[in-house]
Amino acid sequence: MALMDILSIKVIYFIINFMNTRNFKCFQAVYEERNLQAAANKLFLSPQGLSKIIKSIEDEFGTSLFIRSKEGFIPTESGRLFYEKSKTISRDLNDLFSSIEALNEKEKRFKVGFAAGTIRAIDVPSVASFMTDNPEILASWYEYENENVIQQVVNDEISFGFVVGKQSLPGVVCEHVKAVDLVVYVYNGHRFWNESQIELKDLKDEKIISMNEKYRVYHDIVNACHLNGFAPNIVAKVDEGESLYLLSKNRAGLGISPKFFPETDEIKPLVIKDSYTWNVYGIYREDSADKDLAKKFLAAIK
């Protein structure tokens, strides 16, 4: 029997008996790096531990996979063949595990969607606890544009959505979850620093840092400024609040966002006079098969 056939059979036997993809990854790292120390660093293992793993694979197959030399680990003919086969089997196993995971997720029928920014506003421990206690919920934490979440609920693609702003849609239940003040983050030394509140029109000539178009608050700010007779000078549009806070603290401009961040000696939130509160709502279809679970979900997190 040819060497390739023998090794192919042994590789399959190895997988069936050990199902240890970790060992495959260890071998592949040494093969690709040609250096035990570099491979060990890549895998967060000690060189001694990695050497033992390679030796155990060689013992299992009854052949040397590498020539140890001053130049490093040089693959033998068996090593090169083993690498090719191991990569193919690794891909097949990854596909298998992904397919199994997808089937498991299908069984979790209750899916929750989050509009951009809402995870920061809600009571995350309560949501996480409810998800854990109800295994039919698919516990994923992805944020989407507000309209995207609304449409997913309307189209019955998800069971429950956290959205920004009250929704008046036929057949959709909408209940208030959380209100957060909309504020301007001002850095120490700015002309507004000693103010307790400002009006929106005061921002006319200021550099503004805003959340990007994915967030409803961006569109609300732009529309409000236009209604007050000016176009905001937005110098930065960010994807997450920490960047807005950091840029404001470092004097790149004034950040407008819901009041999520603390006041310090370097930066503080100012109330915008006559501004609205940033409101998060929970929505679900009233004819949903999971409406009872949705009601329990709302009760648990409010």
Protein backbone atom coordinates (compact mmCIF):
# COMPACT_ATOMS: atom_id res chain seq x y z
CA MET A 1 0.00 0.00 0.00
CA ALA A 2 1.35 3.45 -0.90
CA LEU A 3 2.61 5.82 1.79
CA MET A 4 -0.18 8.30 0.98
CA ASP A 5 -2.87 5.65 1.45
CA ILE A 6 -1.37 4.41 4.69
CA LEU A 7 -1.11 7.90 6.14
CA SER A 8 -4.61 8.83 4.97
CA ILE A 9 -6.04 5.83 6.80
CA LYS A 10 -4.01 6.61 9.91
CA VAL A 11 -5.06 10.27 9.91
CA ILE A 12 -8.73 9.26 9.76
CA TYR A 13 -8.16 6.63 12.48
CA PHE A 14 -6.45 9.29 14.60
CA ILE A 15 -9.43 11.61 14.27
CA ILE A 16 -12.00 8.92 15.00
CA ASN A 17 -10.18 7.75 18.11
CA PHE A 18 -9.03 11.08 19.51
CA MET A 19 -11.13 13.84 17.88
CA ASN A 20 -8.39 16.20 19.06
CA THR A 21 -8.31 19.11 16.66
CA ARG A 22 -6.06 20.90 19.14
CA ASN A 23 -3.24 18.50 18.29
CA PHE A 24 -3.84 19.15 14.59
CA LYS A 25 -3.53 22.89 15.19
CA CYS A 26 -0.33 22.37 17.15
CA PHE A 27 1.20 20.32 14.33
CA GLN A 28 0.07 22.85 11.73
CA ALA A 29 1.59 25.75 13.68
CA VAL A 30 4.99 24.01 13.92
CA TYR A 31 4.83 23.10 10.22
CA GLU A 32 4.04 26.68 9.21
CA GLU A 33 6.49 28.38 11.55
CA ARG A 34 9.31 25.82 11.18
CA ASN A 35 10.30 26.94 14.68
CA LEU A 36 9.17 25.43 17.98
CA GLN A 37 9.45 28.63 20.02
CA ALA A 38 7.59 30.74 17.45
CA ALA A 39 4.83 28.12 17.16
CA ALA A 40 4.56 27.83 20.95
CA ASN A 41 4.19 31.63 21.28
CA LYS A 42 1.48 31.61 18.63
CA LEU A 43 -0.44 28.92 20.53
CA PHE A 44 0.22 30.31 24.03
CA LEU A 45 1.97 27.08 24.99
CA SER A 46 5.38 26.30 26.42
CA PRO A 47 7.94 24.91 23.94
CA GLN A 48 8.27 21.81 26.15
CA GLY A 49 4.52 21.17 26.11
CA LEU A 50 4.31 21.67 22.36
CA SER A 51 7.27 19.35 21.79
CA LYS A 52 5.48 16.61 23.75
CA ILE A 53 2.36 17.02 21.63
CA ILE A 54 4.36 16.70 18.38
CA LYS A 55 6.15 13.65 19.75
CA SER A 56 2.84 12.00 20.73
CA ILE A 57 1.51 12.49 17.19
CA GLU A 58 4.66 10.97 15.73
CA ASP A 59 4.41 8.02 18.12
CA GLU A 60 0.79 7.48 17.16
CA PHE A 61 1.66 7.37 13.46
CA GLY A 62 4.92 5.51 13.91
CA THR A 63 6.88 7.95 11.78
CA SER A 64 8.89 11.16 12.09
CA LEU A 65 7.04 14.24 10.86
CA PHE A 66 9.96 16.63 11.32
CA ILE A 67 13.74 16.61 11.19
CA ARG A 68 15.04 18.58 14.17
CA SER A 69 18.01 20.72 13.12
CA LYS A 70 19.74 24.01 13.88
CA GLU A 71 17.62 25.56 11.15
CA GLY A 72 14.46 24.50 12.96
CA PHE A 73 11.81 21.86 12.35
CA ILE A 74 12.11 20.63 8.75
CA PRO A 75 9.09 18.58 7.57
CA THR A 76 9.74 15.07 6.33
CA GLU A 77 7.84 13.62 3.37
CA SER A 78 5.40 12.14 5.89
CA GLY A 79 5.15 15.53 7.59
CA ARG A 80 4.27 17.29 4.34
CA LEU A 81 1.60 14.70 3.57
CA PHE A 82 0.23 14.83 7.09
CA TYR A 83 -0.04 18.63 6.83
CA GLU A 84 -2.03 18.46 3.59
CA LYS A 85 -4.40 15.84 4.99
CA SER A 86 -4.75 17.58 8.36
CA LYS A 87 -5.76 20.87 6.71
CA THR A 88 -8.44 19.12 4.64
CA ILE A 89 -9.80 17.25 7.66
CA SER A 90 -9.70 20.42 9.81
CA ARG A 91 -11.82 22.25 7.24
CA ASP A 92 -14.28 19.35 7.10
CA LEU A 93 -14.51 19.22 10.90
CA ASN A 94 -15.06 22.99 11.10
CA ASP A 95 -17.86 22.65 8.57
CA LEU A 96 -19.33 19.79 10.60
CA PHE A 97 -19.20 21.73 13.86
CA SER A 98 -20.69 24.82 12.18
CA SER A 99 -23.55 22.76 10.76
CA ILE A 100 -24.28 21.21 14.15
CA GLU A 101 -24.18 24.64 15.79
CA ALA A 102 -26.58 26.01 13.17
CA LEU A 103 -29.01 23.15 13.87
CA ASN A 104 -28.80 23.84 17.60
CA GLU A 105 -29.51 27.53 17.02
CA LYS A 106 -32.57 26.66 14.94
CA GLU A 107 -34.00 24.94 17.99
CA LYS A 108 -33.64 28.19 19.93
CA ARG A 109 -36.72 29.81 18.46
CA PHE A 110 -36.84 33.03 20.51
CA LYS A 111 -34.43 35.56 18.99
CA VAL A 112 -33.75 39.05 20.33
CA GLY A 113 -32.56 42.03 18.29
CA PHE A 114 -30.88 45.17 19.62
CA ALA A 115 -30.95 48.58 17.95
CA ALA A 116 -27.58 50.36 17.98
CA GLY A 117 -26.83 51.74 21.45
CA THR A 118 -29.58 49.91 23.31
CA ILE A 119 -27.30 47.33 24.95
CA ARG A 120 -25.65 50.15 26.90
CA ALA A 121 -29.04 51.42 28.08
CA ILE A 122 -30.74 48.22 29.23
CA ASP A 123 -30.22 46.19 32.40
CA VAL A 124 -27.75 43.70 30.93
CA PRO A 125 -27.53 41.40 34.01
CA SER A 126 -31.33 40.98 34.03
CA VAL A 127 -31.42 40.26 30.30
CA ALA A 128 -28.52 37.80 30.53
CA SER A 129 -30.12 36.05 33.52
CA PHE A 130 -33.45 35.68 31.70
CA MET A 131 -31.70 34.27 28.65
CA THR A 132 -29.89 31.73 30.83
CA ASP A 133 -33.09 30.68 32.60
CA ASN A 134 -34.96 30.24 29.31
CA PRO A 135 -32.92 27.96 27.02
CA GLU A 136 -35.29 28.50 24.09
CA ILE A 137 -33.82 32.01 23.74
CA LEU A 138 -30.91 32.40 21.35
CA ALA A 139 -28.46 34.37 23.50
CA SER A 140 -26.81 36.63 20.93
CA TRP A 141 -25.82 40.26 21.48
CA TYR A 142 -25.64 41.92 18.06
CA GLU A 143 -26.67 45.53 17.40
CA TYR A 144 -28.29 46.66 14.15
CA GLU A 145 -29.75 49.86 12.77
CA ASN A 146 -33.01 50.80 14.45
CA GLU A 147 -35.12 50.32 11.31
CA ASN A 148 -33.51 46.95 10.71
CA VAL A 149 -34.63 45.64 14.11
CA ILE A 150 -38.15 47.02 13.63
CA GLN A 151 -38.49 45.30 10.25
CA GLN A 152 -37.16 42.01 11.63
CA VAL A 153 -39.89 42.05 14.29
CA VAL A 154 -42.59 43.05 11.78
CA ASN A 155 -41.47 40.29 9.39
CA ASP A 156 -41.42 37.77 12.27
CA GLU A 157 -37.70 37.10 11.73
CA ILE A 158 -36.99 37.75 15.42
CA SER A 159 -39.27 37.39 18.42
CA PHE A 160 -38.36 40.55 20.32
CA GLY A 161 -36.59 43.83 19.61
CA PHE A 162 -35.06 46.62 21.66
CA VAL A 163 -35.56 49.80 19.63
CA VAL A 164 -35.16 53.55 20.03
CA GLY A 165 -38.34 55.60 19.93
CA LYS A 166 -41.97 54.63 20.34
CA GLN A 167 -43.35 52.58 17.46
CA SER A 168 -46.99 52.69 16.35
CA LEU A 169 -47.27 49.70 14.09
CA PRO A 170 -50.33 47.52 13.43
CA GLY A 171 -50.14 44.26 15.34
CA VAL A 172 -46.95 45.20 17.22
CA VAL A 173 -46.82 45.66 20.99
CA CYS A 174 -44.50 48.48 22.10
CA GLU A 175 -43.62 49.03 25.77
CA HIS A 176 -41.24 51.52 27.32
CA VAL A 177 -38.08 50.06 28.88
CA LYS A 178 -35.65 52.89 29.66
CA ALA A 179 -35.27 56.67 29.30
CA VAL A 180 -31.84 58.32 29.11
CA ASP A 181 -31.16 62.07 28.92
CA LEU A 182 -29.52 63.40 25.77
CA VAL A 183 -26.50 65.51 26.78
CA VAL A 184 -23.49 67.37 25.42
CA TYR A 185 -20.09 66.23 26.72
CA VAL A 186 -17.95 69.31 27.34
CA TYR A 187 -14.22 69.27 28.08
CA ASN A 188 -12.56 71.32 30.83
CA GLY A 189 -11.50 74.71 29.46
CA HIS A 190 -14.31 75.02 26.94
CA ARG A 191 -16.47 78.15 27.15
CA PHE A 192 -19.42 76.01 28.25
CA TRP A 193 -17.53 74.37 31.14
CA ASN A 194 -19.13 76.48 33.88
CA GLU A 195 -22.63 76.24 32.43
CA SER A 196 -25.27 73.93 33.90
CA GLN A 197 -27.20 73.66 30.65
CA ILE A 198 -27.13 75.00 27.09
CA GLU A 199 -29.59 75.46 24.26
CA LEU A 200 -29.27 73.58 21.00
CA LYS A 201 -28.70 76.84 19.08
CA ASP A 202 -25.55 77.43 21.18
CA LEU A 203 -23.91 74.59 19.23
CA LYS A 204 -24.15 76.42 15.90
CA ASP A 205 -20.43 77.22 15.59
CA GLU A 206 -19.10 74.27 17.59
CA LYS A 207 -17.30 71.17 16.38
CA ILE A 208 -19.65 68.26 17.01
CA ILE A 209 -18.81 64.60 17.62
CA SER A 210 -21.74 62.28 17.01
CA MET A 211 -22.59 58.64 16.78
CA ASN A 212 -22.73 57.57 13.13
CA GLU A 213 -25.71 57.10 10.82
CA LYS A 214 -26.41 53.62 12.22
CA TYR A 215 -27.73 55.30 15.37
CA ARG A 216 -31.08 57.03 15.47
CA VAL A 217 -29.62 59.75 17.71
CA TYR A 218 -27.48 60.96 14.77
CA HIS A 219 -30.54 61.59 12.61
CA ASP A 220 -32.40 63.22 15.53
CA ILE A 221 -29.52 65.64 16.14
CA VAL A 222 -29.19 66.62 12.49
CA ASN A 223 -32.94 67.16 12.13
CA ALA A 224 -33.14 69.19 15.36
CA CYS A 225 -30.26 71.45 14.27
CA HIS A 226 -31.89 72.06 10.89
CA LEU A 227 -35.15 72.99 12.63
CA ASN A 228 -33.14 75.50 14.66
CA GLY A 229 -31.79 77.11 11.51
CA PHE A 230 -28.30 75.66 11.16
CA ALA A 231 -26.42 72.62 9.90
CA PRO A 232 -24.28 70.99 12.61
CA ASN A 233 -20.52 71.01 12.05
CA ILE A 234 -20.00 67.29 12.62
CA VAL A 235 -16.25 66.60 12.62
CA ALA A 236 -16.44 62.97 13.73
CA LYS A 237 -18.99 60.16 13.42
CA VAL A 238 -18.16 57.18 15.59
CA ASP A 239 -19.40 53.63 15.91
CA GLU A 240 -19.33 53.32 19.69
CA GLY A 241 -19.70 55.65 22.66
CA GLU A 242 -16.23 55.20 24.12
CA SER A 243 -14.70 56.84 21.04
CA LEU A 244 -17.09 59.80 21.34
CA TYR A 245 -16.19 60.19 25.01
CA LEU A 246 -12.44 59.92 24.33
CA LEU A 247 -12.50 62.43 21.47
CA SER A 248 -14.51 64.91 23.56
CA LYS A 249 -12.18 64.52 26.54
CA ASN A 250 -9.22 65.24 24.25
CA ARG A 251 -10.82 68.43 22.94
CA ALA A 252 -11.61 67.28 19.43
CA GLY A 253 -15.10 68.72 19.83
CA LEU A 254 -18.30 68.42 21.84
CA GLY A 255 -19.87 64.99 21.96
CA ILE A 256 -23.64 64.60 21.79
CA SER A 257 -25.04 61.30 23.04
CA PRO A 258 -27.28 59.75 25.64
CA LYS A 259 -25.90 60.21 29.17
CA PHE A 260 -23.90 57.01 29.44
CA PHE A 261 -20.55 58.27 30.72
CA PRO A 262 -19.43 59.72 34.07
CA GLU A 263 -18.43 63.27 34.93
CA THR A 264 -14.74 63.81 35.72
CA ASP A 265 -12.37 66.75 36.22
CA GLU A 266 -11.69 66.63 32.47
CA ILE A 267 -15.15 66.21 30.99
CA LYS A 268 -18.78 66.54 32.03
CA PRO A 269 -22.26 66.16 30.56
CA LEU A 270 -24.42 69.24 30.07
CA VAL A 271 -28.18 69.11 29.70
CA ILE A 272 -29.55 70.47 26.44
CA LYS A 273 -32.47 72.72 27.32
CA ASP A 274 -35.83 71.51 26.01
CA SER A 275 -34.16 68.40 24.58
CA TYR A 276 -35.83 65.04 24.44
CA THR A 277 -34.93 61.89 26.34
CA TRP A 278 -33.48 58.94 24.46
CA ASN A 279 -36.10 56.24 24.95
CA VAL A 280 -35.67 52.50 24.55
CA TYR A 281 -38.72 50.35 23.88
CA GLY A 282 -39.32 46.62 23.71
CA ILE A 283 -41.40 45.45 20.75
CA TYR A 284 -42.91 42.14 19.65
CA ARG A 285 -45.75 40.94 17.44
CA GLU A 286 -49.01 40.47 19.31
CA ASP A 287 -49.76 37.36 17.22
CA SER A 288 -46.31 35.85 17.84
CA ALA A 289 -46.20 32.25 18.98
CA ASP A 290 -43.78 33.47 21.66
CA LYS A 291 -45.83 36.43 22.89
CA ASP A 292 -46.16 34.95 26.40
CA LEU A 293 -42.39 34.60 26.67
CA ALA A 294 -42.02 38.15 25.32
CA LYS A 295 -44.33 39.45 28.08
CA LYS A 296 -42.30 37.58 30.70
CA PHE A 297 -39.11 38.98 29.17
CA LEU A 298 -40.39 42.56 29.44
CA ALA A 299 -41.54 42.03 33.03
CA ALA A 300 -38.13 40.66 34.00
CA ILE A 301 -36.09 43.55 32.57
CA LYS A 302 -38.23 46.58 33.43
